Amino acid sequence: MKTSIELTLTPLKDDYELHIIDFIKRLRDSEFKVLENPLSTQIYGDFDQLMPFLTQEIKRSFSEIDIAVLQMKIVKSDRSDYEPNF
């Protein structure tokens, strides 16, 4: 099943930018389609392949950060080609 996931990683520490950049770079290096904007990162792919990958990368990021918040929205469809029609 195709899925679209929006992620926002928020490390609660002074050097937060480095942790966000590392997380995004690891997403970019994956086999999945990744799109970014100033507020979040979207990743697109097959649910059964994408979720284990994200679990691994989220765990890795959390192990490198004392305190962090990760917001995630999951949509059941590939929305990577969405364009507003208004």
Protein backbone atom coordinates (compact mmCIF):
# COMPACT_ATOMS: atom_id res chain seq x y z
CA MET A 1 0.00 0.00 0.00
CA LYS A 2 1.37 3.41 -0.96
CA THR A 3 1.75 5.95 1.79
CA SER A 4 2.79 9.56 2.33
CA ILE A 5 4.36 10.58 5.64
CA GLU A 6 5.07 14.08 6.88
CA LEU A 7 7.75 14.37 9.57
CA THR A 8 8.82 17.24 11.80
CA LEU A 9 11.77 16.51 14.09
CA THR A 10 12.25 19.00 16.92
CA PRO A 11 15.29 18.40 19.13
CA LEU A 12 14.96 20.34 22.37
CA LYS A 13 18.54 21.51 22.65
CA ASP A 14 20.78 24.34 21.53
CA ASP A 15 22.49 22.53 18.63
CA TYR A 16 19.19 21.33 17.14
CA GLU A 17 20.05 22.20 13.51
CA LEU A 18 22.78 19.57 13.18
CA HIS A 19 20.44 16.81 14.35
CA ILE A 20 17.70 17.85 11.92
CA ILE A 21 20.16 18.05 9.02
CA ASP A 22 21.57 14.59 9.81
CA PHE A 23 18.07 13.11 9.96
CA ILE A 24 17.06 14.66 6.64
CA LYS A 25 20.30 13.53 4.95
CA ARG A 26 19.65 9.94 6.02
CA LEU A 27 16.11 10.17 4.60
CA ARG A 28 17.51 11.56 1.34
CA ASP A 29 19.98 8.66 1.10
CA SER A 30 17.15 6.13 1.21
CA GLU A 31 15.37 4.53 -1.73
CA PHE A 32 12.25 6.59 -1.00
CA LYS A 33 11.08 9.83 -2.55
CA VAL A 34 11.74 12.73 -0.17
CA LEU A 35 10.43 16.29 -0.46
CA GLU A 36 11.21 19.12 1.92
CA ASN A 37 9.85 22.51 2.84
CA PRO A 38 10.86 24.92 5.61
CA LEU A 39 8.48 23.35 8.15
CA SER A 40 8.60 19.60 7.50
CA THR A 41 9.89 16.74 5.39
CA GLN A 42 7.69 14.37 3.43
CA ILE A 43 8.67 10.83 2.50
CA TYR A 44 6.73 8.58 0.10
CA GLY A 45 6.78 4.86 -0.54
CA ASP A 46 5.32 1.46 0.22
CA PHE A 47 4.03 1.29 3.81
CA ASP A 48 5.60 -2.11 4.59
CA GLN A 49 9.04 -0.93 3.48
CA LEU A 50 8.84 2.65 4.69
CA MET A 51 7.76 2.03 8.29
CA PRO A 52 10.68 -0.24 9.30
CA PHE A 53 13.09 2.23 7.70
CA LEU A 54 11.55 5.16 9.59
CA THR A 55 11.52 3.20 12.86
CA GLN A 56 15.24 2.60 12.48
CA GLU A 57 16.05 6.23 11.60
CA ILE A 58 13.84 7.70 14.33
CA LYS A 59 15.47 5.40 16.89
CA ARG A 60 18.90 6.42 15.64
CA SER A 61 18.05 10.12 15.92
CA PHE A 62 16.53 9.70 19.36
CA SER A 63 19.64 7.88 20.58
CA GLU A 64 21.74 10.92 19.60
CA ILE A 65 19.46 13.52 21.25
CA ASP A 66 18.62 13.86 24.95
CA ILE A 67 15.12 15.22 24.38
CA ALA A 68 13.22 15.52 21.09
CA VAL A 69 9.72 15.63 19.68
CA LEU A 70 8.80 13.98 16.38
CA GLN A 71 5.48 14.81 14.76
CA MET A 72 4.26 12.44 12.07
CA LYS A 73 1.25 12.46 9.77
CA ILE A 74 0.51 9.36 7.71
CA VAL A 75 -1.74 9.40 4.65
CA LYS A 76 -2.85 6.22 2.92
CA SER A 77 -1.92 7.17 -0.65
CA ASP A 78 1.00 8.59 -2.57
CA ARG A 79 0.47 12.36 -2.52
CA SER A 80 3.92 13.24 -3.91
CA ASP A 81 2.48 14.61 -7.12
CA TYR A 82 -0.19 16.78 -5.44
CA GLU A 83 -0.73 20.20 -6.97
CA PRO A 84 -3.45 22.58 -5.81
CA ASN A 85 -6.18 23.22 -8.38
CA PHE A 86 -7.26 26.61 -7.05
